[in-house]
N, C-alpha and C. Protein backbone atom coordinates (compact mmCIF):
# COMPACT_ATOMS: atom_id res chain seq x y z
N MET A 1 19.85 33.64 -25.19
CA MET A 1 18.63 34.58 -25.07
C MET A 1 17.53 33.56 -24.21
N ARG A 2 17.56 32.02 -23.86
CA ARG A 2 17.64 31.51 -23.38
C ARG A 2 17.81 31.03 -21.89
N ASN A 3 19.46 31.34 -22.00
CA ASN A 3 20.10 31.57 -21.14
C ASN A 3 20.06 32.65 -19.93
N SER A 4 19.56 33.65 -20.81
CA SER A 4 18.87 34.88 -20.01
C SER A 4 17.85 34.88 -19.35
N ARG A 5 16.85 34.03 -20.00
CA ARG A 5 15.50 34.05 -19.22
C ARG A 5 15.74 32.64 -17.93
N ALA A 6 16.89 31.30 -18.18
CA ALA A 6 16.57 30.78 -17.15
C ALA A 6 17.62 31.41 -16.22
N LEU A 7 18.36 32.16 -16.50
CA LEU A 7 19.02 33.11 -15.47
C LEU A 7 18.18 34.27 -14.64
N ALA A 8 17.36 34.68 -15.50
CA ALA A 8 16.44 35.39 -14.51
C ALA A 8 15.47 34.68 -13.71
N ALA A 9 15.07 33.58 -14.18
CA ALA A 9 14.00 32.65 -13.06
C ALA A 9 15.15 32.17 -11.84
N VAL A 10 16.50 31.68 -12.30
CA VAL A 10 17.15 31.56 -11.09
C VAL A 10 17.15 32.26 -9.49
N VAL A 11 17.19 33.54 -10.78
CA VAL A 11 17.65 34.80 -9.66
C VAL A 11 16.84 34.99 -8.96
N ALA A 12 15.54 34.88 -9.75
CA ALA A 12 13.72 35.51 -8.73
C ALA A 12 13.72 34.00 -8.05
N ALA A 13 13.57 32.66 -7.86
CA ALA A 13 13.81 31.83 -6.96
C ALA A 13 14.74 32.06 -5.95
N GLY A 14 15.56 32.08 -6.15
CA GLY A 14 16.81 32.43 -5.35
C GLY A 14 16.08 34.06 -4.33
N ALA A 15 16.07 34.83 -5.34
CA ALA A 15 15.32 35.99 -3.87
C ALA A 15 13.96 35.62 -3.11
N LEU A 16 13.45 34.99 -4.12
CA LEU A 16 12.20 34.84 -3.13
C LEU A 16 12.33 33.86 -1.56
N VAL A 17 13.39 32.78 -2.11
CA VAL A 17 13.99 31.84 -1.09
C VAL A 17 14.40 32.62 0.02
N GLY A 18 15.35 33.72 -0.72
CA GLY A 18 16.22 34.28 0.47
C GLY A 18 15.36 35.50 1.36
N PHE A 19 14.24 36.33 0.63
CA PHE A 19 13.20 36.93 1.72
C PHE A 19 12.56 36.25 2.07
N GLY A 20 12.06 34.97 2.06
CA GLY A 20 11.27 34.23 2.91
C GLY A 20 11.63 33.60 4.30
N ALA A 21 13.44 33.28 3.92
CA ALA A 21 13.96 32.45 5.15
C ALA A 21 13.85 33.54 6.41
N PRO A 22 13.98 34.76 6.28
CA PRO A 22 14.49 35.62 7.42
C PRO A 22 12.46 35.56 8.19
N SER A 23 11.59 35.51 7.23
CA SER A 23 10.27 35.74 8.40
C SER A 23 10.08 33.58 8.73
N ALA A 24 10.76 32.96 8.06
CA ALA A 24 10.32 31.56 8.75
C ALA A 24 11.08 31.58 9.97
N ALA A 25 12.27 31.67 9.84
CA ALA A 25 12.70 32.03 11.23
C ALA A 25 12.61 32.88 12.36
N ALA A 26 11.98 34.16 11.71
CA ALA A 26 11.61 34.52 13.07
C ALA A 26 10.21 34.21 13.47
N TRP A 27 9.60 33.10 13.21
CA TRP A 27 8.09 32.12 14.18
C TRP A 27 9.06 31.29 15.00
N ALA A 28 10.44 30.89 14.64
CA ALA A 28 10.72 30.18 15.40
C ALA A 28 10.83 30.36 16.38
N GLU A 29 11.09 31.70 16.80
CA GLU A 29 11.90 32.09 18.01
C GLU A 29 10.54 32.62 18.78
N PRO A 30 10.39 33.23 20.05
CA PRO A 30 9.66 33.47 20.89
C PRO A 30 9.19 34.64 20.18
N SER A 31 8.26 35.19 19.85
CA SER A 31 7.85 36.43 19.40
C SER A 31 6.90 37.59 20.17
N ASN A 32 6.46 37.15 20.91
CA ASN A 32 5.29 37.72 21.84
C ASN A 32 4.99 36.90 23.22
N ILE A 33 4.63 37.46 24.09
CA ILE A 33 4.15 36.94 25.41
C ILE A 33 3.25 37.78 25.80
N VAL A 34 1.78 37.13 25.67
CA VAL A 34 0.73 37.76 26.55
C VAL A 34 0.24 36.95 27.63
N ALA A 35 -0.13 37.85 28.98
CA ALA A 35 -0.79 37.14 30.27
C ALA A 35 -1.74 38.05 30.36
N MET A 36 -2.75 36.57 30.66
CA MET A 36 -4.36 37.35 31.03
C MET A 36 -4.36 36.45 32.18
N PRO A 37 -5.21 37.50 33.08
CA PRO A 37 -5.68 38.34 33.24
C PRO A 37 -4.27 39.59 33.28
N SER A 38 -4.46 40.91 32.97
CA SER A 38 -3.07 41.44 33.11
C SER A 38 -3.29 42.17 34.46
N VAL A 39 -4.51 42.31 35.37
CA VAL A 39 -4.36 42.45 36.57
C VAL A 39 -5.00 41.30 37.73
N ILE A 40 -4.00 41.06 38.53
CA ILE A 40 -4.41 39.67 39.40
C ILE A 40 -3.53 39.73 40.99
N ALA A 41 -4.85 39.38 41.70
CA ALA A 41 -4.02 38.98 43.34
C ALA A 41 -3.30 38.08 43.29
N ARG A 42 -2.45 38.38 44.12
CA ARG A 42 -1.67 37.12 44.90
C ARG A 42 -2.53 35.68 45.23
N GLY A 43 -1.90 34.66 44.65
CA GLY A 43 -2.50 33.61 45.09
C GLY A 43 -3.62 33.04 43.68
N GLY A 44 -3.73 33.94 42.79
CA GLY A 44 -4.38 33.86 41.47
C GLY A 44 -3.91 32.85 40.41
N HIS A 45 -4.64 32.60 39.52
CA HIS A 45 -3.82 31.90 38.27
C HIS A 45 -3.59 32.95 37.18
N LEU A 46 -2.52 32.75 36.45
CA LEU A 46 -2.49 33.78 35.59
C LEU A 46 -2.34 32.60 34.78
N THR A 47 -2.55 32.91 33.12
CA THR A 47 -2.34 32.54 31.51
C THR A 47 -1.29 33.08 30.91
N VAL A 48 -0.08 31.99 30.90
CA VAL A 48 0.95 32.89 29.70
C VAL A 48 0.71 32.64 28.54
N THR A 49 0.77 32.97 27.59
CA THR A 49 0.90 32.61 26.09
C THR A 49 2.06 33.11 25.32
N VAL A 50 2.57 32.09 24.47
CA VAL A 50 4.07 33.16 23.60
C VAL A 50 4.08 32.53 22.57
N ASP A 51 4.01 32.89 21.40
CA ASP A 51 4.20 32.72 20.17
C ASP A 51 5.70 32.57 19.73
N GLY A 52 5.76 31.26 18.88
CA GLY A 52 6.78 30.93 18.30
C GLY A 52 7.08 29.51 18.19
N SER A 53 7.32 29.08 17.12
CA SER A 53 7.30 27.45 16.96
C SER A 53 8.09 26.62 17.73
N SER A 54 9.11 27.40 17.98
CA SER A 54 10.56 27.07 18.96
C SER A 54 9.71 26.79 20.28
N CYS A 55 8.82 27.20 20.79
CA CYS A 55 8.14 26.81 22.02
C CYS A 55 7.52 25.49 22.68
N HIS A 56 7.56 24.54 21.00
CA HIS A 56 6.42 23.37 21.20
C HIS A 56 8.00 22.84 21.74
N ALA A 57 9.04 23.13 21.55
CA ALA A 57 10.40 22.08 22.24
C ALA A 57 10.39 21.96 23.78
N ALA A 58 10.68 20.95 24.09
CA ALA A 58 10.59 20.30 25.32
C ALA A 58 11.59 20.87 25.73
N GLY A 59 11.56 21.65 27.22
CA GLY A 59 12.52 22.09 28.36
C GLY A 59 12.23 23.54 28.22
N SER A 60 10.80 24.33 26.90
CA SER A 60 10.72 25.65 27.01
C SER A 60 9.49 25.81 28.21
N TYR A 61 9.93 26.96 28.48
CA TYR A 61 9.74 27.54 30.16
C TYR A 61 9.54 28.99 29.84
N VAL A 62 8.48 29.57 31.07
CA VAL A 62 8.36 31.12 31.28
C VAL A 62 8.69 30.90 32.91
N GLU A 63 9.06 32.18 33.40
CA GLU A 63 9.24 32.46 34.57
C GLU A 63 9.23 33.75 34.68
N SER A 64 9.10 34.05 36.28
CA SER A 64 9.19 35.80 36.90
C SER A 64 9.76 35.76 37.98
N PRO A 65 9.19 36.94 38.45
CA PRO A 65 9.97 36.88 40.47
C PRO A 65 8.72 36.60 40.83
N ALA A 66 7.29 36.44 40.22
CA ALA A 66 6.33 36.76 40.98
C ALA A 66 5.64 35.43 40.80
N PHE A 67 6.09 34.16 40.08
CA PHE A 67 5.70 33.28 40.23
C PHE A 67 6.95 31.93 39.90
N PRO A 68 6.91 30.46 40.09
CA PRO A 68 7.97 29.60 39.66
C PRO A 68 7.97 29.28 38.55
N ARG A 69 9.26 28.77 37.89
CA ARG A 69 9.56 28.74 36.08
C ARG A 69 8.52 27.03 36.63
N THR A 70 7.63 27.59 35.10
CA THR A 70 6.68 26.40 34.59
C THR A 70 7.07 26.11 33.24
N HIS A 71 6.76 25.01 33.02
CA HIS A 71 6.81 24.32 31.66
C HIS A 71 5.93 24.92 30.58
N LEU A 72 5.77 25.02 29.30
CA LEU A 72 5.26 25.52 28.51
C LEU A 72 4.71 24.32 27.72
N LYS A 73 3.30 24.40 27.35
CA LYS A 73 2.38 23.00 26.99
C LYS A 73 1.96 23.56 24.98
N PRO A 74 2.74 22.84 24.09
CA PRO A 74 1.88 23.43 22.78
C PRO A 74 0.67 23.76 22.41
N ILE A 75 -0.27 24.74 22.08
CA ILE A 75 -1.40 24.92 21.70
C ILE A 75 -1.37 24.11 19.93
N THR A 76 -2.13 22.91 20.07
CA THR A 76 -2.61 21.86 19.16
C THR A 76 -2.93 22.85 17.70
N GLY A 77 -2.68 23.16 16.53
CA GLY A 77 -3.05 24.05 15.43
C GLY A 77 -2.32 25.30 15.34
N GLY A 78 -0.68 25.08 15.63
CA GLY A 78 -0.23 26.62 15.53
C GLY A 78 1.13 26.93 16.07
N SER A 79 1.73 27.84 16.13
CA SER A 79 2.80 27.84 16.68
C SER A 79 3.24 28.64 17.79
N THR A 80 1.92 28.19 18.60
CA THR A 80 2.02 29.35 19.78
C THR A 80 2.02 28.04 21.28
N ALA A 81 2.35 28.51 22.41
CA ALA A 81 2.33 27.64 23.35
C ALA A 81 2.07 28.39 24.78
N SER A 82 1.27 27.85 25.70
CA SER A 82 0.74 28.20 26.99
C SER A 82 1.08 27.51 28.16
N ALA A 83 1.21 28.74 29.38
CA ALA A 83 1.33 27.76 30.52
C ALA A 83 0.21 28.79 31.45
N THR A 84 -0.19 28.02 32.52
CA THR A 84 -0.92 28.39 33.43
C THR A 84 -0.13 28.22 34.89
N VAL A 85 0.22 29.30 35.72
CA VAL A 85 0.68 29.54 36.64
C VAL A 85 0.11 30.25 37.91
N LYS A 86 0.47 29.80 39.00
CA LYS A 86 -0.19 30.50 40.60
C LYS A 86 1.03 31.50 40.98
N ILE A 87 0.31 32.65 41.28
CA ILE A 87 0.98 34.15 41.58
C ILE A 87 1.30 33.68 43.02
N ASN A 88 2.37 33.90 43.35
CA ASN A 88 3.06 33.19 44.97
C ASN A 88 2.26 34.29 45.95
N HIS A 89 1.96 33.64 47.01
CA HIS A 89 1.12 34.53 48.09
C HIS A 89 2.44 35.41 48.73
N ASN A 90 3.31 35.37 48.32
CA ASN A 90 4.06 36.41 49.16
C ASN A 90 4.53 37.26 48.23
N ALA A 91 3.79 37.79 46.85
CA ALA A 91 4.28 38.50 45.84
C ALA A 91 3.94 39.72 46.39
N HIS A 92 4.99 40.50 46.19
CA HIS A 92 4.75 42.33 46.65
C HIS A 92 3.76 42.56 45.43
N PRO A 93 2.65 43.94 45.55
CA PRO A 93 2.01 44.19 44.99
C PRO A 93 2.92 45.42 43.91
N GLY A 94 2.82 45.25 42.20
CA GLY A 94 3.47 45.78 41.27
C GLY A 94 3.28 45.67 40.40
N ALA A 95 4.20 45.96 39.65
CA ALA A 95 4.45 45.48 37.43
C ALA A 95 5.47 43.72 37.84
N TYR A 96 5.52 43.40 37.10
CA TYR A 96 6.08 42.12 36.75
C TYR A 96 6.77 41.95 35.58
N ASP A 97 7.98 41.70 35.21
CA ASP A 97 7.85 40.95 33.86
C ASP A 97 8.01 39.42 33.81
N ILE A 98 7.56 38.87 32.50
CA ILE A 98 8.02 37.61 32.22
C ILE A 98 9.27 37.19 31.31
N THR A 99 9.68 36.23 31.66
CA THR A 99 10.99 35.74 30.44
C THR A 99 10.16 34.33 30.24
N ALA A 100 10.41 34.06 29.01
CA ALA A 100 9.96 33.02 28.37
C ALA A 100 11.48 32.45 27.51
N ASN A 101 11.64 31.35 27.26
CA ASN A 101 12.64 30.54 27.23
C ASN A 101 12.76 29.70 26.17
N CYS A 102 12.46 29.88 24.61
CA CYS A 102 11.93 28.71 23.52
C CYS A 102 13.18 28.20 22.63
N GLY A 103 13.61 26.71 23.31
CA GLY A 103 14.79 26.52 22.28
C GLY A 103 16.03 27.02 22.31
N GLY A 104 16.24 27.52 23.81
CA GLY A 104 17.36 28.21 24.08
C GLY A 104 17.29 29.62 23.72
N LYS A 105 16.22 30.33 23.47
CA LYS A 105 16.11 31.29 23.17
C LYS A 105 15.66 32.35 24.21
N PRO A 106 16.07 33.26 24.77
CA PRO A 106 15.21 34.09 25.87
C PRO A 106 14.34 34.95 25.27
N LEU A 107 13.59 35.73 25.94
CA LEU A 107 12.33 36.89 25.11
C LEU A 107 12.24 37.45 26.75
N THR A 108 12.04 38.39 26.91
CA THR A 108 11.41 39.22 28.27
C THR A 108 10.21 40.41 27.77
N ARG A 109 9.26 40.05 28.44
CA ARG A 109 8.17 41.06 28.39
C ARG A 109 8.10 41.80 29.21
N PRO A 110 8.78 43.25 29.56
CA PRO A 110 8.76 43.92 30.72
C PRO A 110 7.10 44.48 31.02
N HIS A 111 6.99 44.76 32.86
CA HIS A 111 5.39 44.86 33.07
C HIS A 111 4.48 44.18 32.27
N ALA A 112 4.52 43.18 32.48
CA ALA A 112 3.53 41.80 31.46
C ALA A 112 2.40 42.19 32.36
N PHE A 113 2.22 41.73 33.74
CA PHE A 113 1.49 41.99 34.63
C PHE A 113 1.51 42.41 35.67
N THR A 114 0.53 43.01 36.52
CA THR A 114 0.31 43.61 37.75
C THR A 114 -0.02 42.56 38.58
N VAL A 115 0.62 42.81 39.91
CA VAL A 115 -0.06 42.10 41.14
C VAL A 115 -0.56 42.96 42.03
N ILE A 116 -1.88 42.65 42.19
CA ILE A 116 -2.38 43.48 43.40
C ILE A 116 -2.58 42.96 44.46
N HIS A 117 -2.63 44.07 45.90
CA HIS A 117 -2.70 43.23 47.40
C HIS A 117 -4.55 43.36 47.99
N GLY A 118 -5.15 41.98 47.66
CA GLY A 118 -6.48 41.72 47.49
C GLY A 118 -7.07 41.32 46.61
N GLY A 119 -8.24 41.22 46.44
CA GLY A 119 -9.42 41.02 45.78
C GLY A 119 -9.61 42.38 44.56
N VAL A 120 -9.78 42.35 43.64
CA VAL A 120 -10.11 43.36 42.33
C VAL A 120 -11.26 43.74 42.83
N ARG A 121 -11.31 45.34 42.77
CA ARG A 121 -12.50 45.97 43.09
C ARG A 121 -13.96 45.50 42.14
N GLY A 122 -14.70 45.57 42.74
CA GLY A 122 -15.66 45.22 41.40
C GLY A 122 -16.73 46.56 41.08
N GLY A 123 -16.50 47.48 41.31
CA GLY A 123 -17.43 48.38 40.82
C GLY A 123 -18.47 48.42 41.83
N VAL A 124 -20.01 48.77 40.88
CA VAL A 124 -21.01 48.43 41.47
C VAL A 124 -21.37 47.30 42.26
N GLY A 125 -21.56 46.95 43.50
CA GLY A 125 -21.92 45.90 43.77
C GLY A 125 -21.02 45.30 44.52
N GLY A 126 -19.50 45.70 44.16
CA GLY A 126 -18.09 44.92 44.96
C GLY A 126 -17.87 46.06 45.77
N GLY A 127 -18.80 45.44 47.32
CA GLY A 127 -18.43 45.94 48.51
C GLY A 127 -16.98 45.97 49.08
N THR A 128 -16.70 46.81 49.87
CA THR A 128 -15.20 47.10 50.11
C THR A 128 -14.77 47.03 51.89
N THR A 129 -16.30 47.19 52.17
CA THR A 129 -16.27 47.37 53.61
C THR A 129 -16.90 45.77 54.03
N SER A 130 -16.55 45.46 55.54
CA SER A 130 -17.23 44.31 56.08
C SER A 130 -17.97 44.81 57.43
N GLY A 131 -19.17 43.96 57.37
CA GLY A 131 -20.07 44.36 58.14
C GLY A 131 -21.26 45.42 58.39
N ALA A 132 -22.18 45.56 59.02
CA ALA A 132 -22.99 47.14 58.93
C ALA A 132 -22.57 48.14 58.98
N THR A 133 -22.55 49.09 58.41
CA THR A 133 -21.94 50.44 58.09
C THR A 133 -23.27 51.00 59.02
N ARG A 134 -22.91 52.45 59.45
CA ARG A 134 -23.64 53.37 60.30
C ARG A 134 -24.92 53.78 59.44
N THR A 135 -25.11 53.59 58.27
CA THR A 135 -26.75 53.75 57.24
C THR A 135 -27.24 52.21 57.89
N ASP A 136 -26.61 51.69 57.70
CA ASP A 136 -27.81 50.16 57.64
C ASP A 136 -28.09 50.14 58.96
N MET A 137 -27.00 50.69 60.14
CA MET A 137 -27.65 50.56 61.72
C MET A 137 -29.09 51.25 61.76
N ALA A 138 -29.01 52.59 61.21
CA ALA A 138 -30.22 53.85 61.35
C ALA A 138 -31.16 52.72 60.85
N ILE A 139 -31.13 52.48 59.43
CA ILE A 139 -32.25 51.84 58.88
C ILE A 139 -32.77 50.48 59.29
N GLY A 140 -32.11 50.01 59.63
CA GLY A 140 -32.74 48.87 60.81
C GLY A 140 -33.46 49.31 62.17
N GLY A 141 -32.88 50.25 62.50
CA GLY A 141 -32.94 50.92 63.79
C GLY A 141 -34.52 51.52 63.77
N ALA A 142 -34.40 51.81 62.92
CA ALA A 142 -35.65 53.15 62.35
C ALA A 142 -36.87 52.01 62.04
N LEU A 143 -36.55 51.12 61.53
CA LEU A 143 -37.51 49.50 61.42
C LEU A 143 -37.85 48.93 62.59
N VAL A 144 -37.34 48.85 63.15
CA VAL A 144 -37.41 48.02 64.38
C VAL A 144 -38.90 49.13 65.37
N THR A 145 -37.94 50.24 65.40
CA THR A 145 -38.94 51.32 66.21
C THR A 145 -40.04 51.33 65.35
N VAL A 146 -40.28 51.53 64.23
CA VAL A 146 -41.69 51.61 63.52
C VAL A 146 -42.91 49.93 63.99
N ALA A 147 -41.82 49.12 63.94
CA ALA A 147 -42.70 48.02 64.39
C ALA A 147 -43.01 47.60 65.76
N VAL A 148 -42.42 48.02 66.66
CA VAL A 148 -42.43 48.20 68.03
C VAL A 148 -43.82 49.06 68.51
N VAL A 149 -43.59 50.38 67.72
CA VAL A 149 -45.02 51.43 67.63
C VAL A 149 -46.72 50.67 67.19
N GLY A 150 -45.87 50.51 65.89
CA GLY A 150 -47.42 49.68 65.27
C GLY A 150 -48.16 48.78 66.66
N GLY A 151 -47.12 47.86 66.31
CA GLY A 151 -47.50 46.70 67.27
C GLY A 151 -48.22 47.01 68.46
N GLY A 152 -47.66 48.32 69.38
CA GLY A 152 -48.41 48.53 70.41
C GLY A 152 -49.50 49.32 70.43
N VAL A 153 -49.82 49.95 69.40
CA VAL A 153 -50.89 51.10 68.94
C VAL A 153 -51.92 49.60 68.68
N PHE A 154 -51.93 48.81 67.93
CA PHE A 154 -52.67 47.77 67.82
C PHE A 154 -53.00 46.86 68.80
N TRP A 155 -52.14 46.88 69.76
CA TRP A 155 -52.84 46.01 70.75
C TRP A 155 -53.60 46.84 71.84
N MET A 156 -53.31 48.20 72.11
CA MET A 156 -53.80 48.90 72.65
C MET A 156 -55.14 49.07 71.97
N ARG A 157 -55.64 49.28 71.04
CA ARG A 157 -56.83 49.32 70.03
C ARG A 157 -57.54 47.94 70.16
N ARG A 158 -57.20 46.90 70.21
CA ARG A 158 -57.81 45.67 70.17
C ARG A 158 -58.12 45.80 71.96
N ARG A 159 -57.08 46.16 72.88
CA ARG A 159 -57.84 46.09 74.10
C ARG A 159 -58.71 46.79 74.67
N SER A 160 -59.13 48.22 73.98
CA SER A 160 -59.92 49.05 73.77
C SER A 160 -61.04 48.64 73.40
N GLU A 161 -61.36 47.72 72.57
CA GLU A 161 -62.85 47.62 71.83
C GLU A 161 -63.12 46.01 72.56
N SER A 162 -61.94 45.29 73.73
CA SER A 162 -62.83 44.10 73.94
C SER A 162 -63.81 44.58 75.48
N LYS A 163 -63.35 46.32 75.73
CA LYS A 163 -63.94 46.62 77.07
C LYS A 163 -65.30 47.08 76.85
N ALA A 164 -65.31 47.46 75.82
CA ALA A 164 -66.80 48.06 75.06
C ALA A 164 -67.43 47.41 74.74
């Protein structure tokens, strides 16, 4: 009876270690790549974050056709590393993949970010034209006309008052 209890305890401990090992190994490999912001203009700075304790190893890097190979820096207090990259000025607009290589194990995230031509449209207040529009010119012309007519009327009234 005692041997069967000891055997059951050993089997349970072995199963616990056996089931826990694959999940612990999964944290060592790169498991997720996040790029912020997800839409960026050429020449902008992109922050790439990679999960996995193997990304703390020296020589770990991220790369993409839109930016040069950049080494990852470990983030303290976790199993995450990050890099800040600058998008090439000659990058074509479109979606780009990011490949992380941590401890010799590569991970690619397809369509991780999108490069656009020019700045991001800002919505209300984010003007897309430069210089004065036709409406601006019409309003400005009307204001100048009203000022000239009003000044002329005021000057003519003052002149007629002084003669009387």
